[in-house]
PDB file of all heavy atoms in Angstrom:
ATOM      1  N   GLN A   1       0.796  -1.219   0.000  1.00  0.00           N
ATOM      2  CA  GLN A   1       0.000   0.000   0.000  1.00  0.00           C
ATOM      3  C   GLN A   1       0.834   1.277   0.000  1.00  0.00           C
ATOM      4  O   GLN A   1       0.266   2.372  -0.038  1.00  0.00           O
ATOM      5  CB  GLN A   1      -0.949  -0.016   1.206  1.00  0.00           C
ATOM      6  CG  GLN A   1      -2.013  -1.097   1.101  1.00  0.00           C
ATOM      7  CD  GLN A   1      -2.867  -1.202   2.342  1.00  0.00           C
ATOM      8  OE1 GLN A   1      -2.575  -0.564   3.369  1.00  0.00           O
ATOM      9  NE2 GLN A   1      -3.922  -2.014   2.286  1.00  0.00           N
ATOM     10  N   GLU A   2       2.160   1.164   0.046  1.00  0.00           N
ATOM     11  CA  GLU A   2       2.991   2.352  -0.079  1.00  0.00           C
ATOM     12  C   GLU A   2       2.852   2.927  -1.492  1.00  0.00           C
ATOM     13  O   GLU A   2       2.715   2.192  -2.467  1.00  0.00           O
ATOM     14  CB  GLU A   2       4.452   2.012   0.213  1.00  0.00           C
ATOM     15  CG  GLU A   2       4.722   1.676   1.675  1.00  0.00           C
ATOM     16  CD  GLU A   2       6.197   1.413   1.926  1.00  0.00           C
ATOM     17  OE1 GLU A   2       7.009   1.647   1.003  1.00  0.00           O
ATOM     18  OE2 GLU A   2       6.542   0.957   3.036  1.00  0.00           O
ATOM     19  N   LEU A   3       2.922   4.258  -1.586  1.00  0.00           N
ATOM     20  CA  LEU A   3       2.651   4.919  -2.859  1.00  0.00           C
ATOM     21  C   LEU A   3       3.625   4.478  -3.947  1.00  0.00           C
ATOM     22  O   LEU A   3       3.234   4.238  -5.095  1.00  0.00           O
ATOM     23  CB  LEU A   3       2.726   6.442  -2.671  1.00  0.00           C
ATOM     24  CG  LEU A   3       2.291   7.285  -3.876  1.00  0.00           C
ATOM     25  CD1 LEU A   3       0.833   7.028  -4.211  1.00  0.00           C
ATOM     26  CD2 LEU A   3       2.524   8.762  -3.603  1.00  0.00           C
ATOM     27  N   GLY A   4       4.903   4.348  -3.630  1.00  0.00           N
ATOM     28  CA  GLY A   4       5.890   3.965  -4.636  1.00  0.00           C
ATOM     29  C   GLY A   4       5.772   2.537  -5.097  1.00  0.00           C
ATOM     30  O   GLY A   4       6.265   2.178  -6.170  1.00  0.00           O
ATOM     31  N   ASN A   5       5.117   1.685  -4.309  1.00  0.00           N
ATOM     32  CA  ASN A   5       4.966   0.279  -4.670  1.00  0.00           C
ATOM     33  C   ASN A   5       3.668   0.003  -5.419  1.00  0.00           C
ATOM     34  O   ASN A   5       3.399  -1.146  -5.774  1.00  0.00           O
ATOM     35  CB  ASN A   5       5.008  -0.597  -3.415  1.00  0.00           C
ATOM     36  CG  ASN A   5       6.412  -0.699  -2.839  1.00  0.00           C
ATOM     37  OD1 ASN A   5       7.399  -0.630  -3.575  1.00  0.00           O
ATOM     38  ND2 ASN A   5       6.511  -0.843  -1.521  1.00  0.00           N
ATOM     39  N   ARG A   6       2.884   1.023  -5.646  1.00  0.00           N
ATOM     40  CA  ARG A   6       1.632   0.834  -6.375  1.00  0.00           C
ATOM     41  C   ARG A   6       1.904   0.598  -7.853  1.00  0.00           C
ATOM     42  O   ARG A   6       2.850   1.146  -8.420  1.00  0.00           O
ATOM     43  CB  ARG A   6       0.744   2.070  -6.206  1.00  0.00           C
ATOM     44  CG  ARG A   6       0.241   2.279  -4.782  1.00  0.00           C
ATOM     45  CD  ARG A   6      -0.862   1.304  -4.457  1.00  0.00           C
ATOM     46  NE  ARG A   6      -1.579   1.668  -3.243  1.00  0.00           N
ATOM     47  CZ  ARG A   6      -2.673   1.064  -2.809  1.00  0.00           C
ATOM     48  NH1 ARG A   6      -3.197   0.069  -3.513  1.00  0.00           N
ATOM     49  NH2 ARG A   6      -3.262   1.435  -1.702  1.00  0.00           N
ATOM     50  N   ASN A   7       1.046  -0.207  -8.460  1.00  0.00           N
ATOM     51  CA  ASN A   7       1.112  -0.443  -9.907  1.00  0.00           C
ATOM     52  C   ASN A   7       0.056   0.437 -10.574  1.00  0.00           C
ATOM     53  O   ASN A   7      -1.106   0.079 -10.671  1.00  0.00           O
ATOM     54  CB  ASN A   7       0.868  -1.917 -10.235  1.00  0.00           C
ATOM     55  CG  ASN A   7       1.895  -2.838  -9.595  1.00  0.00           C
ATOM     56  OD1 ASN A   7       1.561  -3.678  -8.751  1.00  0.00           O
ATOM     57  ND2 ASN A   7       3.149  -2.696  -9.982  1.00  0.00           N
ATOM     58  N   TRP A   8       0.496   1.596 -11.059  1.00  0.00           N
ATOM     59  CA  TRP A   8      -0.440   2.586 -11.570  1.00  0.00           C
ATOM     60  C   TRP A   8      -1.137   2.121 -12.837  1.00  0.00           C
ATOM     61  O   TRP A   8      -2.274   2.525 -13.105  1.00  0.00           O
ATOM     62  CB  TRP A   8       0.296   3.904 -11.824  1.00  0.00           C
ATOM     63  CG  TRP A   8       0.789   4.539 -10.573  1.00  0.00           C
ATOM     64  CD1 TRP A   8       1.986   4.344  -9.965  1.00  0.00           C
ATOM     65  CD2 TRP A   8       0.077   5.461  -9.738  1.00  0.00           C
ATOM     66  NE1 TRP A   8       2.080   5.081  -8.814  1.00  0.00           N
ATOM     67  CE2 TRP A   8       0.917   5.786  -8.649  1.00  0.00           C
ATOM     68  CE3 TRP A   8      -1.185   6.058  -9.813  1.00  0.00           C
ATOM     69  CZ2 TRP A   8       0.535   6.671  -7.643  1.00  0.00           C
ATOM     70  CZ3 TRP A   8      -1.567   6.944  -8.809  1.00  0.00           C
ATOM     71  CH2 TRP A   8      -0.714   7.239  -7.751  1.00  0.00           C
ATOM     72  N   LEU A   9      -0.474   1.304 -13.628  1.00  0.00           N
ATOM     73  CA  LEU A   9      -1.096   0.761 -14.847  1.00  0.00           C
ATOM     74  C   LEU A   9      -1.207  -0.756 -14.780  1.00  0.00           C
ATOM     75  O   LEU A   9      -1.322  -1.422 -15.809  1.00  0.00           O
ATOM     76  CB  LEU A   9      -0.292   1.178 -16.084  1.00  0.00           C
ATOM     77  CG  LEU A   9      -0.248   2.679 -16.382  1.00  0.00           C
ATOM     78  CD1 LEU A   9       0.606   2.948 -17.616  1.00  0.00           C
ATOM     79  CD2 LEU A   9      -1.653   3.241 -16.582  1.00  0.00           C
ATOM     80  N   GLY A  10      -1.162  -1.305 -13.575  1.00  0.00           N
ATOM     81  CA  GLY A  10      -1.278  -2.743 -13.406  1.00  0.00           C
ATOM     82  C   GLY A  10       0.027  -3.471 -13.692  1.00  0.00           C
ATOM     83  O   GLY A  10       1.095  -2.865 -13.850  1.00  0.00           O
ATOM     84  N   THR A  11      -0.068  -4.791 -13.767  1.00  0.00           N
ATOM     85  CA  THR A  11       1.087  -5.628 -14.078  1.00  0.00           C
ATOM     86  C   THR A  11       0.782  -6.479 -15.297  1.00  0.00           C
ATOM     87  O   THR A  11      -0.382  -6.670 -15.673  1.00  0.00           O
ATOM     88  CB  THR A  11       1.453  -6.543 -12.898  1.00  0.00           C
ATOM     89  OG1 THR A  11       0.403  -7.503 -12.707  1.00  0.00           O
ATOM     90  CG2 THR A  11       1.645  -5.739 -11.617  1.00  0.00           C
ATOM     91  N   ASP A  12       1.851  -7.008 -15.909  1.00  0.00           N
ATOM     92  CA  ASP A  12       1.645  -7.911 -17.037  1.00  0.00           C
ATOM     93  C   ASP A  12       1.476  -9.331 -16.526  1.00  0.00           C
ATOM     94  O   ASP A  12       1.339  -9.571 -15.317  1.00  0.00           O
ATOM     95  CB  ASP A  12       2.805  -7.794 -18.034  1.00  0.00           C
ATOM     96  CG  ASP A  12       4.137  -8.191 -17.412  1.00  0.00           C
ATOM     97  OD1 ASP A  12       4.162  -8.644 -16.242  1.00  0.00           O
ATOM     98  OD2 ASP A  12       5.162  -8.047 -18.090  1.00  0.00           O
ATOM     99  N   ASP A  13       1.489 -10.307 -17.419  1.00  0.00           N
ATOM    100  CA  ASP A  13       1.211 -11.682 -17.012  1.00  0.00           C
ATOM    101  C   ASP A  13       2.348 -12.314 -16.223  1.00  0.00           C
ATOM    102  O   ASP A  13       2.220 -13.453 -15.760  1.00  0.00           O
ATOM    103  CB  ASP A  13       0.879 -12.543 -18.235  1.00  0.00           C
ATOM    104  CG  ASP A  13       1.968 -12.477 -19.297  1.00  0.00           C
ATOM    105  OD1 ASP A  13       3.031 -11.866 -19.029  1.00  0.00           O
ATOM    106  OD2 ASP A  13       1.755 -13.016 -20.399  1.00  0.00           O
ATOM    107  N   GLN A  14       3.476 -11.612 -16.074  1.00  0.00           N
ATOM    108  CA  GLN A  14       4.575 -12.110 -15.259  1.00  0.00           C
ATOM    109  C   GLN A  14       4.770 -11.303 -13.982  1.00  0.00           C
ATOM    110  O   GLN A  14       5.746 -11.506 -13.262  1.00  0.00           O
ATOM    111  CB  GLN A  14       5.873 -12.094 -16.080  1.00  0.00           C
ATOM    112  CG  GLN A  14       5.817 -12.984 -17.307  1.00  0.00           C
ATOM    113  CD  GLN A  14       7.132 -13.000 -18.056  1.00  0.00           C
ATOM    114  OE1 GLN A  14       8.204 -12.930 -17.470  1.00  0.00           O
ATOM    115  NE2 GLN A  14       7.065 -13.102 -19.377  1.00  0.00           N
ATOM    116  N   GLY A  15       3.869 -10.380 -13.708  1.00  0.00           N
ATOM    117  CA  GLY A  15       3.943  -9.601 -12.486  1.00  0.00           C
ATOM    118  C   GLY A  15       4.838  -8.384 -12.574  1.00  0.00           C
ATOM    119  O   GLY A  15       5.167  -7.793 -11.536  1.00  0.00           O
ATOM    120  N   ARG A  16       5.239  -7.983 -13.772  1.00  0.00           N
ATOM    121  CA  ARG A  16       6.096  -6.809 -13.940  1.00  0.00           C
ATOM    122  C   ARG A  16       5.245  -5.554 -14.110  1.00  0.00           C
ATOM    123  O   ARG A  16       4.183  -5.601 -14.735  1.00  0.00           O
ATOM    124  CB  ARG A  16       7.017  -6.997 -15.147  1.00  0.00           C
ATOM    125  CG  ARG A  16       7.949  -8.198 -15.012  1.00  0.00           C
ATOM    126  CD  ARG A  16       8.665  -8.504 -16.303  1.00  0.00           C
ATOM    127  NE  ARG A  16       7.753  -8.851 -17.387  1.00  0.00           N
ATOM    128  CZ  ARG A  16       8.127  -9.360 -18.551  1.00  0.00           C
ATOM    129  NH1 ARG A  16       9.404  -9.594 -18.785  1.00  0.00           N
ATOM    130  NH2 ARG A  16       7.231  -9.632 -19.487  1.00  0.00           N
ATOM    131  N   ASP A  17       5.742  -4.446 -13.577  1.00  0.00           N
ATOM    132  CA  ASP A  17       4.994  -3.201 -13.605  1.00  0.00           C
ATOM    133  C   ASP A  17       4.870  -2.677 -15.040  1.00  0.00           C
ATOM    134  O   ASP A  17       5.876  -2.508 -15.745  1.00  0.00           O
ATOM    135  CB  ASP A  17       5.696  -2.162 -12.729  1.00  0.00           C
ATOM    136  CG  ASP A  17       4.883  -0.896 -12.591  1.00  0.00           C
ATOM    137  OD1 ASP A  17       3.838  -0.929 -11.935  1.00  0.00           O
ATOM    138  OD2 ASP A  17       5.301   0.126 -13.163  1.00  0.00           O
ATOM    139  N   VAL A  18       3.642  -2.401 -15.470  1.00  0.00           N
ATOM    140  CA  VAL A  18       3.394  -1.977 -16.845  1.00  0.00           C
ATOM    141  C   VAL A  18       3.925  -0.572 -17.083  1.00  0.00           C
ATOM    142  O   VAL A  18       4.518  -0.294 -18.147  1.00  0.00           O
ATOM    143  CB  VAL A  18       1.882  -2.059 -17.160  1.00  0.00           C
ATOM    144  CG1 VAL A  18       1.585  -1.439 -18.525  1.00  0.00           C
ATOM    145  CG2 VAL A  18       1.411  -3.503 -17.128  1.00  0.00           C
ATOM    146  N   LEU A  19       3.758   0.336 -16.128  1.00  0.00           N
ATOM    147  CA  LEU A  19       4.218   1.713 -16.320  1.00  0.00           C
ATOM    148  C   LEU A  19       5.734   1.766 -16.487  1.00  0.00           C
ATOM    149  O   LEU A  19       6.245   2.501 -17.343  1.00  0.00           O
ATOM    150  CB  LEU A  19       3.784   2.578 -15.134  1.00  0.00           C
ATOM    151  CG  LEU A  19       4.178   4.060 -15.195  1.00  0.00           C
ATOM    152  CD1 LEU A  19       3.676   4.706 -16.475  1.00  0.00           C
ATOM    153  CD2 LEU A  19       3.657   4.805 -13.973  1.00  0.00           C
ATOM    154  N   ALA A  20       6.459   0.978 -15.687  1.00  0.00           N
ATOM    155  CA  ALA A  20       7.924   0.949 -15.830  1.00  0.00           C
ATOM    156  C   ALA A  20       8.322   0.416 -17.194  1.00  0.00           C
ATOM    157  O   ALA A  20       9.242   0.939 -17.839  1.00  0.00           O
ATOM    158  CB  ALA A  20       8.536   0.093 -14.721  1.00  0.00           C
ATOM    159  N   ARG A  21       7.645  -0.597 -17.681  1.00  0.00           N
ATOM    160  CA  ARG A  21       7.977  -1.160 -18.989  1.00  0.00           C
ATOM    161  C   ARG A  21       7.610  -0.198 -20.119  1.00  0.00           C
ATOM    162  O   ARG A  21       8.278  -0.173 -21.155  1.00  0.00           O
ATOM    163  CB  ARG A  21       7.274  -2.508 -19.177  1.00  0.00           C
ATOM    164  CG  ARG A  21       7.791  -3.580 -18.233  1.00  0.00           C
ATOM    165  CD  ARG A  21       7.163  -4.936 -18.526  1.00  0.00           C
ATOM    166  NE  ARG A  21       7.547  -5.451 -19.835  1.00  0.00           N
ATOM    167  CZ  ARG A  21       8.688  -6.069 -20.103  1.00  0.00           C
ATOM    168  NH1 ARG A  21       9.603  -6.224 -19.161  1.00  0.00           N
ATOM    169  NH2 ARG A  21       8.937  -6.523 -21.319  1.00  0.00           N
ATOM    170  N   VAL A  22       6.561   0.596 -19.927  1.00  0.00           N
ATOM    171  CA  VAL A  22       6.206   1.591 -20.942  1.00  0.00           C
ATOM    172  C   VAL A  22       7.288   2.666 -21.024  1.00  0.00           C
ATOM    173  O   VAL A  22       7.683   3.094 -22.120  1.00  0.00           O
ATOM    174  CB  VAL A  22       4.833   2.212 -20.619  1.00  0.00           C
ATOM    175  CG1 VAL A  22       4.600   3.476 -21.441  1.00  0.00           C
ATOM    176  CG2 VAL A  22       3.729   1.208 -20.901  1.00  0.00           C
ATOM    177  N   ILE A  23       7.795   3.122 -19.881  1.00  0.00           N
ATOM    178  CA  ILE A  23       8.823   4.167 -19.874  1.00  0.00           C
ATOM    179  C   ILE A  23      10.092   3.675 -20.567  1.00  0.00           C
ATOM    180  O   ILE A  23      10.660   4.351 -21.429  1.00  0.00           O
ATOM    181  CB  ILE A  23       9.120   4.616 -18.434  1.00  0.00           C
ATOM    182  CG1 ILE A  23       7.889   5.282 -17.824  1.00  0.00           C
ATOM    183  CG2 ILE A  23      10.309   5.573 -18.397  1.00  0.00           C
ATOM    184  CD1 ILE A  23       8.031   5.613 -16.354  1.00  0.00           C
ATOM    185  N   TYR A  24      10.551   2.477 -20.193  1.00  0.00           N
ATOM    186  CA  TYR A  24      11.759   1.934 -20.817  1.00  0.00           C
ATOM    187  C   TYR A  24      11.510   1.570 -22.280  1.00  0.00           C
ATOM    188  O   TYR A  24      12.389   1.732 -23.132  1.00  0.00           O
ATOM    189  CB  TYR A  24      12.231   0.699 -20.048  1.00  0.00           C
ATOM    190  CG  TYR A  24      12.941   1.016 -18.758  1.00  0.00           C
ATOM    191  CD1 TYR A  24      12.236   1.154 -17.574  1.00  0.00           C
ATOM    192  CD2 TYR A  24      14.321   1.180 -18.715  1.00  0.00           C
ATOM    193  CE1 TYR A  24      12.882   1.441 -16.368  1.00  0.00           C
ATOM    194  CE2 TYR A  24      14.983   1.459 -17.523  1.00  0.00           C
ATOM    195  CZ  TYR A  24      14.252   1.594 -16.356  1.00  0.00           C
ATOM    196  OH  TYR A  24      14.896   1.884 -15.177  1.00  0.00           O
ATOM    197  N   GLY A  25      10.316   1.051 -22.584  1.00  0.00           N
ATOM    198  CA  GLY A  25       9.998   0.709 -23.967  1.00  0.00           C
ATOM    199  C   GLY A  25       9.908   1.936 -24.861  1.00  0.00           C
ATOM    200  O   GLY A  25      10.302   1.891 -26.034  1.00  0.00           O
ATOM    201  N   PHE A  26       9.397   3.042 -24.327  1.00  0.00           N
ATOM    202  CA  PHE A  26       9.353   4.296 -25.078  1.00  0.00           C
ATOM    203  C   PHE A  26      10.769   4.737 -25.436  1.00  0.00           C
ATOM    204  O   PHE A  26      11.025   5.148 -26.570  1.00  0.00           O
ATOM    205  CB  PHE A  26       8.650   5.359 -24.225  1.00  0.00           C
ATOM    206  CG  PHE A  26       8.515   6.695 -24.901  1.00  0.00           C
ATOM    207  CD1 PHE A  26       7.375   7.005 -25.618  1.00  0.00           C
ATOM    208  CD2 PHE A  26       9.516   7.651 -24.809  1.00  0.00           C
ATOM    209  CE1 PHE A  26       7.233   8.242 -26.231  1.00  0.00           C
ATOM    210  CE2 PHE A  26       9.393   8.885 -25.425  1.00  0.00           C
ATOM    211  CZ  PHE A  26       8.245   9.175 -26.140  1.00  0.00           C
ATOM    212  N   ARG A  27      11.690   4.636 -24.493  1.00  0.00           N
ATOM    213  CA  ARG A  27      13.066   5.056 -24.762  1.00  0.00           C
ATOM    214  C   ARG A  27      13.713   4.191 -25.836  1.00  0.00           C
ATOM    215  O   ARG A  27      14.354   4.709 -26.767  1.00  0.00           O
ATOM    216  CB  ARG A  27      13.893   4.993 -23.477  1.00  0.00           C
ATOM    217  CG  ARG A  27      15.339   5.415 -23.672  1.00  0.00           C
ATOM    218  CD  ARG A  27      16.094   5.456 -22.366  1.00  0.00           C
ATOM    219  NE  ARG A  27      16.261   4.134 -21.774  1.00  0.00           N
ATOM    220  CZ  ARG A  27      16.926   3.918 -20.628  1.00  0.00           C
ATOM    221  NH1 ARG A  27      17.433   4.938 -19.963  1.00  0.00           N
ATOM    222  NH2 ARG A  27      17.042   2.699 -20.158  1.00  0.00           N
ATOM    223  N   ILE A  28      13.550   2.887 -25.742  1.00  0.00           N
ATOM    224  CA  ILE A  28      14.152   2.000 -26.734  1.00  0.00           C
ATOM    225  C   ILE A  28      13.557   2.251 -28.115  1.00  0.00           C
ATOM    226  O   ILE A  28      14.277   2.300 -29.120  1.00  0.00           O
ATOM    227  CB  ILE A  28      13.966   0.533 -26.310  1.00  0.00           C
ATOM    228  CG1 ILE A  28      14.881   0.200 -25.134  1.00  0.00           C
ATOM    229  CG2 ILE A  28      14.253  -0.412 -27.475  1.00  0.00           C
ATOM    230  CD1 ILE A  28      14.815  -1.245 -24.690  1.00  0.00           C
ATOM    231  N   SER A  29      12.247   2.438 -28.180  1.00  0.00           N
ATOM    232  CA  SER A  29      11.595   2.651 -29.477  1.00  0.00           C
ATOM    233  C   SER A  29      12.091   3.925 -30.148  1.00  0.00           C
ATOM    234  O   SER A  29      12.409   3.938 -31.344  1.00  0.00           O
ATOM    235  CB  SER A  29      10.078   2.703 -29.295  1.00  0.00           C
ATOM    236  OG  SER A  29       9.579   1.485 -28.783  1.00  0.00           O
ATOM    237  N   VAL A  30      12.185   5.014 -29.377  1.00  0.00           N
ATOM    238  CA  VAL A  30      12.605   6.290 -29.967  1.00  0.00           C
ATOM    239  C   VAL A  30      14.082   6.246 -30.347  1.00  0.00           C
ATOM    240  O   VAL A  30      14.473   6.718 -31.427  1.00  0.00           O
ATOM    241  CB  VAL A  30      12.320   7.446 -28.989  1.00  0.00           C
ATOM    242  CG1 VAL A  30      12.867   8.758 -29.539  1.00  0.00           C
ATOM    243  CG2 VAL A  30      10.826   7.568 -28.739  1.00  0.00           C
TER     244      VAL A  30
END
């Protein structure tokens, strides 16, 4: 329930944070 541990966009099917993967994926794509 700590704010930093929240999954703001949920998790994927392996339990990884979607928002973190979007940020890193955006960088790799650009």
